[in-house]
Amino acid sequence: MPPNPEATGRRLVAAAELLFAERGIDGVSLREINAAAGQRNSTALQYHFGDRAGLLAAVLAKHHPEIEARRHQLLDEYESRDEPPGAGTRRTLAGALVRPMAAKLADPDGGRAYLRIMEQLVHRAGVPALQSRQADPAQSINRWRELVAPLLPEVAVTRLHQRFMAIRVTYVELARRAAGPEGKDDRLFTSHLVDVVSAVLATEVSPETARLLGERDSRQATGRTSR
C-alpha cells in the first residue's frame, strides 16, 4: 500500500512537537525528526513542510484554531455582559487569556508539547509562523489586547507593556506545568494562574518606576539632541 501523505504529515508534526518541546526548537535536527516519525525517505520532511520554519508553522496550526475559537467565545461573552471596570472585569479578561491555553494541558494529542513550544517562542522576535498573526487585528490575542487596554494606565500600555508581561507570565507558567507529570487536576492551577495574570494587569506604576521612566526618557531625548 502506498504511503498516505496526510498520515505522514501528521506523524512528522507529532514527532516535531515532542522533540521541539523536549530539546528546543533549534536543538534537534530535521533528520532526527524524520527518523522519529518513522520515515525512511530522508526528504519526507522537506517534501511536506519545506524547512524548519514550515514544520514549526504546521505544529502551531494544529493547535491554534481551537485556542482562537475558545478565546473569541470568551471575549464575546465578556462584551455581551458589558461589565463596569473593576477587579472582576480584569479577572474575566485574564481568564480569556489563560483558559483557552490551559485547556491544552488535557489535550493528549500534543497539547502539553505545544505549550512548551509556545513558551520558547514568546522570548523570540521575528518568528515567521507568528508574525502574520501578530499583525492581524482579527486574531484573538490582539482583540484581547484592545479590550484590556482601557483598564490600564496609558503608561502601562505604551511604555511598560504590561499586557505583554501578562502574556509572558501565562506562557511561562503553562510551560512549567506542561513539563511536569500528566494526569493532574489542573483546575486549581488554572484558577490561580488567572489570579496571577489579573494581578499583573492591576499592578500600579510606583513612584520609583515613574521616576526611572522619566530618567530614561530624558537620556533618550538628550541622545537624540546630541545627534
C-alpha atoms as a PDB file:
ATOM      1  CA  MET A   1       0.000   0.000   0.000  1.00  0.00           C
ATOM      2  CA  PRO A   2       1.463   3.403  -0.971  1.00  0.00           C
ATOM      3  CA  PRO A   3       2.119   5.859   1.882  1.00  0.00           C
ATOM      4  CA  ASN A   4      -0.708   8.174   2.904  1.00  0.00           C
ATOM      5  CA  PRO A   5       0.588  11.780   2.585  1.00  0.00           C
ATOM      6  CA  GLU A   6      -1.793  13.105   5.251  1.00  0.00           C
ATOM      7  CA  ALA A   7      -0.820  10.404   7.725  1.00  0.00           C
ATOM      8  CA  THR A   8       2.861  11.034   7.014  1.00  0.00           C
ATOM      9  CA  GLY A   9       2.391  14.751   7.640  1.00  0.00           C
ATOM     10  CA  ARG A  10       0.640  14.074  10.947  1.00  0.00           C
ATOM     11  CA  ARG A  11       3.426  11.762  12.097  1.00  0.00           C
ATOM     12  CA  LEU A  12       6.056  14.355  11.244  1.00  0.00           C
ATOM     13  CA  VAL A  13       4.175  17.070  13.132  1.00  0.00           C
ATOM     14  CA  ALA A  14       3.714  14.791  16.153  1.00  0.00           C
ATOM     15  CA  ALA A  15       7.415  13.913  16.198  1.00  0.00           C
ATOM     16  CA  ALA A  16       8.404  17.557  15.787  1.00  0.00           C
ATOM     17  CA  GLU A  17       6.223  18.896  18.584  1.00  0.00           C
ATOM     18  CA  LEU A  18       7.611  16.346  21.058  1.00  0.00           C
ATOM     19  CA  LEU A  19      11.252  16.912  20.114  1.00  0.00           C
ATOM     20  CA  PHE A  20      10.886  20.700  19.912  1.00  0.00           C
ATOM     21  CA  ALA A  21       9.333  20.674  23.376  1.00  0.00           C
ATOM     22  CA  GLU A  22      11.927  18.402  24.954  1.00  0.00           C
ATOM     23  CA  ARG A  23      15.112  19.664  23.299  1.00  0.00           C
ATOM     24  CA  GLY A  24      14.276  23.115  21.973  1.00  0.00           C
ATOM     25  CA  ILE A  25      13.237  24.313  18.540  1.00  0.00           C
ATOM     26  CA  ASP A  26      16.861  24.639  17.431  1.00  0.00           C
ATOM     27  CA  GLY A  27      18.138  21.683  19.453  1.00  0.00           C
ATOM     28  CA  VAL A  28      17.009  18.913  17.143  1.00  0.00           C
ATOM     29  CA  SER A  29      17.883  18.256  13.518  1.00  0.00           C
ATOM     30  CA  LEU A  30      15.357  17.717  10.755  1.00  0.00           C
ATOM     31  CA  ARG A  31      16.973  14.343  10.147  1.00  0.00           C
ATOM     32  CA  GLU A  32      16.193  13.337  13.746  1.00  0.00           C
ATOM     33  CA  ILE A  33      12.569  14.418  13.380  1.00  0.00           C
ATOM     34  CA  ASN A  34      12.303  12.457  10.163  1.00  0.00           C
ATOM     35  CA  ALA A  35      13.637   9.344  11.886  1.00  0.00           C
ATOM     36  CA  ALA A  36      11.398   9.799  14.949  1.00  0.00           C
ATOM     37  CA  ALA A  37       8.410   9.891  12.625  1.00  0.00           C
ATOM     38  CA  GLY A  38       9.476   6.556  11.127  1.00  0.00           C
ATOM     39  CA  GLN A  39      10.290   7.966   7.710  1.00  0.00           C
ATOM     40  CA  ARG A  40      12.881   6.040   5.723  1.00  0.00           C
ATOM     41  CA  ASN A  41      12.866   8.658   2.997  1.00  0.00           C
ATOM     42  CA  SER A  42      15.277  11.339   4.204  1.00  0.00           C
ATOM     43  CA  THR A  43      13.485  14.013   2.169  1.00  0.00           C
ATOM     44  CA  ALA A  44       9.977  13.341   3.520  1.00  0.00           C
ATOM     45  CA  LEU A  45      10.033  16.297   5.888  1.00  0.00           C
ATOM     46  CA  GLN A  46      11.295  18.717   3.254  1.00  0.00           C
ATOM     47  CA  TYR A  47       8.685  17.423   0.825  1.00  0.00           C
ATOM     48  CA  HIS A  48       5.807  18.087   3.235  1.00  0.00           C
ATOM     49  CA  PHE A  49       6.951  21.260   5.025  1.00  0.00           C
ATOM     50  CA  GLY A  50       9.974  22.655   3.228  1.00  0.00           C
ATOM     51  CA  ASP A  51      12.130  23.564   6.204  1.00  0.00           C
ATOM     52  CA  ARG A  52      12.181  24.022   9.973  1.00  0.00           C
ATOM     53  CA  ALA A  53      10.049  27.177   9.781  1.00  0.00           C
ATOM     54  CA  GLY A  54       7.410  25.402   7.718  1.00  0.00           C
ATOM     55  CA  LEU A  55       7.329  22.481  10.126  1.00  0.00           C
ATOM     56  CA  LEU A  56       7.021  24.819  13.126  1.00  0.00           C
ATOM     57  CA  ALA A  57       4.164  26.634  11.381  1.00  0.00           C
ATOM     58  CA  ALA A  58       2.404  23.281  10.927  1.00  0.00           C
ATOM     59  CA  VAL A  59       2.802  22.455  14.623  1.00  0.00           C
ATOM     60  CA  LEU A  60       1.259  25.791  15.614  1.00  0.00           C
ATOM     61  CA  ALA A  61      -1.507  25.484  13.025  1.00  0.00           C
ATOM     62  CA  LYS A  62      -2.514  22.145  14.531  1.00  0.00           C
ATOM     63  CA  HIS A  63      -3.449  23.774  17.854  1.00  0.00           C
ATOM     64  CA  HIS A  64      -4.130  27.415  17.054  1.00  0.00           C
ATOM     65  CA  PRO A  65      -7.711  27.206  15.672  1.00  0.00           C
ATOM     66  CA  GLU A  66      -9.059  25.567  18.826  1.00  0.00           C
ATOM     67  CA  ILE A  67      -7.490  28.216  21.044  1.00  0.00           C
ATOM     68  CA  GLU A  68      -8.718  31.002  18.777  1.00  0.00           C
ATOM     69  CA  ALA A  69     -12.299  29.747  18.808  1.00  0.00           C
ATOM     70  CA  ARG A  70     -12.392  29.382  22.579  1.00  0.00           C
ATOM     71  CA  ARG A  71     -10.818  32.782  23.305  1.00  0.00           C
ATOM     72  CA  HIS A  72     -13.153  34.562  20.865  1.00  0.00           C
ATOM     73  CA  GLN A  73     -16.074  32.846  22.585  1.00  0.00           C
ATOM     74  CA  LEU A  74     -14.919  34.087  26.000  1.00  0.00           C
ATOM     75  CA  LEU A  75     -14.376  37.606  24.657  1.00  0.00           C
ATOM     76  CA  ASP A  76     -17.826  37.556  23.059  1.00  0.00           C
ATOM     77  CA  GLU A  77     -19.294  36.634  26.442  1.00  0.00           C
ATOM     78  CA  TYR A  78     -17.300  39.393  28.131  1.00  0.00           C
ATOM     79  CA  GLU A  79     -18.503  42.059  25.675  1.00  0.00           C
ATOM     80  CA  SER A  80     -22.111  40.876  25.882  1.00  0.00           C
ATOM     81  CA  ARG A  81     -22.130  41.392  29.660  1.00  0.00           C
ATOM     82  CA  ASP A  82     -20.787  44.952  29.372  1.00  0.00           C
ATOM     83  CA  GLU A  83     -19.230  44.790  32.836  1.00  0.00           C
ATOM     84  CA  PRO A  84     -18.181  48.037  34.556  1.00  0.00           C
ATOM     85  CA  PRO A  85     -14.393  48.343  35.008  1.00  0.00           C
ATOM     86  CA  GLY A  86     -13.067  46.717  38.161  1.00  0.00           C
ATOM     87  CA  ALA A  87     -11.299  43.716  39.616  1.00  0.00           C
ATOM     88  CA  GLY A  88     -13.958  41.348  38.279  1.00  0.00           C
ATOM     89  CA  THR A  89     -13.520  42.741  34.791  1.00  0.00           C
ATOM     90  CA  ARG A  90      -9.770  42.253  34.886  1.00  0.00           C
ATOM     91  CA  ARG A  91     -10.150  38.687  36.118  1.00  0.00           C
ATOM     92  CA  THR A  92     -12.657  37.901  33.372  1.00  0.00           C
ATOM     93  CA  LEU A  93     -10.202  39.112  30.750  1.00  0.00           C
ATOM     94  CA  ALA A  94      -7.332  37.305  32.466  1.00  0.00           C
ATOM     95  CA  GLY A  95      -9.394  34.141  32.198  1.00  0.00           C
ATOM     96  CA  ALA A  96      -9.972  34.759  28.490  1.00  0.00           C
ATOM     97  CA  LEU A  97      -6.215  34.867  28.033  1.00  0.00           C
ATOM     98  CA  VAL A  98      -5.326  31.883  30.215  1.00  0.00           C
ATOM     99  CA  ARG A  99      -8.118  29.313  29.953  1.00  0.00           C
ATOM    100  CA  PRO A 100      -8.001  28.525  26.201  1.00  0.00           C
ATOM    101  CA  MET A 101      -4.275  27.811  26.515  1.00  0.00           C
ATOM    102  CA  ALA A 102      -4.629  25.928  29.814  1.00  0.00           C
ATOM    103  CA  ALA A 103      -7.099  23.552  28.167  1.00  0.00           C
ATOM    104  CA  LYS A 104      -4.132  22.210  26.187  1.00  0.00           C
ATOM    105  CA  LEU A 105      -2.826  20.628  29.384  1.00  0.00           C
ATOM    106  CA  ALA A 106      -5.532  17.993  28.951  1.00  0.00           C
ATOM    107  CA  ASP A 107      -5.060  17.566  25.189  1.00  0.00           C
ATOM    108  CA  PRO A 108      -3.425  14.148  24.649  1.00  0.00           C
ATOM    109  CA  ASP A 109      -2.588  14.955  21.033  1.00  0.00           C
ATOM    110  CA  GLY A 110       0.489  17.098  21.672  1.00  0.00           C
ATOM    111  CA  GLY A 111      -1.174  19.795  23.755  1.00  0.00           C
ATOM    112  CA  ARG A 112       1.425  19.835  26.505  1.00  0.00           C
ATOM    113  CA  ALA A 113       4.278  19.881  23.987  1.00  0.00           C
ATOM    114  CA  TYR A 114       2.607  22.806  22.222  1.00  0.00           C
ATOM    115  CA  LEU A 115       2.586  24.826  25.458  1.00  0.00           C
ATOM    116  CA  ARG A 116       6.299  24.205  25.937  1.00  0.00           C
ATOM    117  CA  ILE A 117       6.985  25.312  22.371  1.00  0.00           C
ATOM    118  CA  MET A 118       4.958  28.498  22.798  1.00  0.00           C
ATOM    119  CA  GLU A 119       6.987  29.402  25.879  1.00  0.00           C
ATOM    120  CA  GLN A 120      10.115  29.254  23.724  1.00  0.00           C
ATOM    121  CA  LEU A 121       8.546  31.469  21.070  1.00  0.00           C
ATOM    122  CA  VAL A 122       7.383  34.184  23.447  1.00  0.00           C
ATOM    123  CA  HIS A 123      11.041  35.010  24.101  1.00  0.00           C
ATOM    124  CA  ARG A 124      11.862  35.331  20.399  1.00  0.00           C
ATOM    125  CA  ALA A 125      11.302  38.112  17.898  1.00  0.00           C
ATOM    126  CA  GLY A 126      10.528  37.765  14.221  1.00  0.00           C
ATOM    127  CA  VAL A 127       9.198  34.209  14.171  1.00  0.00           C
ATOM    128  CA  PRO A 128       7.638  33.806  10.685  1.00  0.00           C
ATOM    129  CA  ALA A 129       4.943  31.444  11.958  1.00  0.00           C
ATOM    130  CA  LEU A 130       3.692  34.148  14.335  1.00  0.00           C
ATOM    131  CA  GLN A 131       4.364  37.414  12.509  1.00  0.00           C
ATOM    132  CA  SER A 132       1.255  37.354  10.302  1.00  0.00           C
ATOM    133  CA  ARG A 133      -0.948  36.581  13.312  1.00  0.00           C
ATOM    134  CA  GLN A 134       0.600  39.342  15.386  1.00  0.00           C
ATOM    135  CA  ALA A 135      -0.264  41.858  12.667  1.00  0.00           C
ATOM    136  CA  ASP A 136      -3.838  40.601  12.209  1.00  0.00           C
ATOM    137  CA  PRO A 137      -6.382  42.537  14.317  1.00  0.00           C
ATOM    138  CA  ALA A 138      -8.865  39.671  13.932  1.00  0.00           C
ATOM    139  CA  GLN A 139      -6.638  37.352  15.961  1.00  0.00           C
ATOM    140  CA  SER A 140      -7.995  36.742  19.439  1.00  0.00           C
ATOM    141  CA  ILE A 141      -4.805  37.843  21.215  1.00  0.00           C
ATOM    142  CA  ASN A 142      -4.968  41.239  19.504  1.00  0.00           C
ATOM    143  CA  ARG A 143      -8.652  41.556  20.324  1.00  0.00           C
ATOM    144  CA  TRP A 144      -7.767  40.728  23.930  1.00  0.00           C
ATOM    145  CA  ARG A 145      -5.085  43.430  23.978  1.00  0.00           C
ATOM    146  CA  GLU A 146      -7.584  46.010  22.745  1.00  0.00           C
ATOM    147  CA  LEU A 147     -10.146  45.093  25.389  1.00  0.00           C
ATOM    148  CA  VAL A 148      -7.564  45.161  28.182  1.00  0.00           C
ATOM    149  CA  ALA A 149      -6.003  48.492  27.211  1.00  0.00           C
ATOM    150  CA  PRO A 150      -8.796  50.756  28.616  1.00  0.00           C
ATOM    151  CA  LEU A 151      -8.411  49.105  32.030  1.00  0.00           C
ATOM    152  CA  LEU A 152      -4.730  50.056  32.325  1.00  0.00           C
ATOM    153  CA  PRO A 153      -2.945  53.401  32.714  1.00  0.00           C
ATOM    154  CA  GLU A 154      -1.590  54.713  29.419  1.00  0.00           C
ATOM    155  CA  VAL A 155       1.973  54.350  30.657  1.00  0.00           C
ATOM    156  CA  ALA A 156       1.380  50.658  31.413  1.00  0.00           C
ATOM    157  CA  VAL A 157       0.127  50.045  27.875  1.00  0.00           C
ATOM    158  CA  THR A 158       2.532  52.052  25.735  1.00  0.00           C
ATOM    159  CA  ARG A 159       5.716  52.208  27.787  1.00  0.00           C
ATOM    160  CA  LEU A 160       5.741  49.346  30.297  1.00  0.00           C
ATOM    161  CA  HIS A 161       3.952  46.870  28.003  1.00  0.00           C
ATOM    162  CA  GLN A 162       2.028  45.362  30.895  1.00  0.00           C
ATOM    163  CA  ARG A 163      -0.189  43.342  28.567  1.00  0.00           C
ATOM    164  CA  PHE A 164       2.847  41.574  27.144  1.00  0.00           C
ATOM    165  CA  MET A 165       4.060  40.866  30.666  1.00  0.00           C
ATOM    166  CA  ALA A 166       0.725  39.149  31.366  1.00  0.00           C
ATOM    167  CA  ILE A 167       1.071  37.094  28.182  1.00  0.00           C
ATOM    168  CA  ARG A 168       4.633  36.098  29.014  1.00  0.00           C
ATOM    169  CA  VAL A 169       3.713  35.032  32.556  1.00  0.00           C
ATOM    170  CA  THR A 170       0.917  32.906  31.088  1.00  0.00           C
ATOM    171  CA  TYR A 171       3.199  31.105  28.631  1.00  0.00           C
ATOM    172  CA  VAL A 172       5.988  30.558  31.156  1.00  0.00           C
ATOM    173  CA  GLU A 173       3.721  29.116  33.840  1.00  0.00           C
ATOM    174  CA  LEU A 174       1.777  26.913  31.427  1.00  0.00           C
ATOM    175  CA  ALA A 175       5.035  25.523  30.013  1.00  0.00           C
ATOM    176  CA  ARG A 176       6.285  24.778  33.515  1.00  0.00           C
ATOM    177  CA  ARG A 177       3.080  22.904  34.272  1.00  0.00           C
ATOM    178  CA  ALA A 178       3.175  21.084  30.932  1.00  0.00           C
ATOM    179  CA  ALA A 179       6.693  19.823  31.638  1.00  0.00           C
ATOM    180  CA  GLY A 180       5.513  18.140  34.837  1.00  0.00           C
ATOM    181  CA  PRO A 181       3.642  14.871  35.366  1.00  0.00           C
ATOM    182  CA  GLU A 182       0.456  14.292  33.407  1.00  0.00           C
ATOM    183  CA  GLY A 183      -2.881  13.285  34.864  1.00  0.00           C
ATOM    184  CA  LYS A 184      -3.173  16.008  37.491  1.00  0.00           C
ATOM    185  CA  ASP A 185      -6.329  18.017  38.108  1.00  0.00           C
ATOM    186  CA  ASP A 186      -5.396  21.361  36.580  1.00  0.00           C
ATOM    187  CA  ARG A 187      -8.385  23.378  37.808  1.00  0.00           C
ATOM    188  CA  LEU A 188      -6.668  24.867  40.859  1.00  0.00           C
ATOM    189  CA  PHE A 189      -3.516  25.635  38.885  1.00  0.00           C
ATOM    190  CA  THR A 190      -5.533  27.349  36.158  1.00  0.00           C
ATOM    191  CA  SER A 191      -7.629  29.385  38.579  1.00  0.00           C
ATOM    192  CA  HIS A 192      -4.521  30.550  40.417  1.00  0.00           C
ATOM    193  CA  LEU A 193      -2.802  31.477  37.158  1.00  0.00           C
ATOM    194  CA  VAL A 194      -5.852  33.566  36.232  1.00  0.00           C
ATOM    195  CA  ASP A 195      -5.492  35.284  39.620  1.00  0.00           C
ATOM    196  CA  VAL A 196      -1.806  35.978  38.980  1.00  0.00           C
ATOM    197  CA  VAL A 197      -2.403  37.372  35.489  1.00  0.00           C
ATOM    198  CA  SER A 198      -5.234  39.532  36.820  1.00  0.00           C
ATOM    199  CA  ALA A 199      -2.825  40.879  39.451  1.00  0.00           C
ATOM    200  CA  VAL A 200      -0.228  41.656  36.768  1.00  0.00           C
ATOM    201  CA  LEU A 201      -2.851  43.671  34.889  1.00  0.00           C
ATOM    202  CA  ALA A 202      -3.781  45.505  38.101  1.00  0.00           C
ATOM    203  CA  THR A 203      -0.202  46.409  39.035  1.00  0.00           C
ATOM    204  CA  GLU A 204       0.108  50.129  39.694  1.00  0.00           C
ATOM    205  CA  VAL A 205       3.009  52.194  38.429  1.00  0.00           C
ATOM    206  CA  SER A 206       5.051  53.009  41.525  1.00  0.00           C
ATOM    207  CA  PRO A 207       6.731  56.377  42.099  1.00  0.00           C
ATOM    208  CA  GLU A 208      10.117  54.669  41.647  1.00  0.00           C
ATOM    209  CA  THR A 209       9.124  53.184  38.283  1.00  0.00           C
ATOM    210  CA  ALA A 210       7.677  56.513  37.143  1.00  0.00           C
ATOM    211  CA  ARG A 211      10.903  58.283  38.145  1.00  0.00           C
ATOM    212  CA  LEU A 212      13.066  55.758  36.310  1.00  0.00           C
ATOM    213  CA  LEU A 213      10.900  56.052  33.216  1.00  0.00           C
ATOM    214  CA  GLY A 214      11.344  59.804  33.321  1.00  0.00           C
ATOM    215  CA  GLU A 215      15.118  59.440  33.635  1.00  0.00           C
ATOM    216  CA  ARG A 216      15.195  57.045  30.701  1.00  0.00           C
ATOM    217  CA  ASP A 217      13.127  59.415  28.559  1.00  0.00           C
ATOM    218  CA  SER A 218      15.443  62.273  29.472  1.00  0.00           C
ATOM    219  CA  ARG A 219      18.520  60.281  28.453  1.00  0.00           C
ATOM    220  CA  GLN A 220      16.916  59.275  25.170  1.00  0.00           C
ATOM    221  CA  ALA A 221      15.907  62.875  24.433  1.00  0.00           C
ATOM    222  CA  THR A 222      19.448  64.046  25.159  1.00  0.00           C
ATOM    223  CA  GLY A 223      20.837  61.375  22.862  1.00  0.00           C
ATOM    224  CA  ARG A 224      18.549  62.450  20.023  1.00  0.00           C
ATOM    225  CA  THR A 225      19.502  66.099  20.515  1.00  0.00           C
ATOM    226  CA  SER A 226      23.232  65.318  20.503  1.00  0.00           C
ATOM    227  CA  ARG A 227      22.899  63.598  17.140  1.00  0.00           C
END
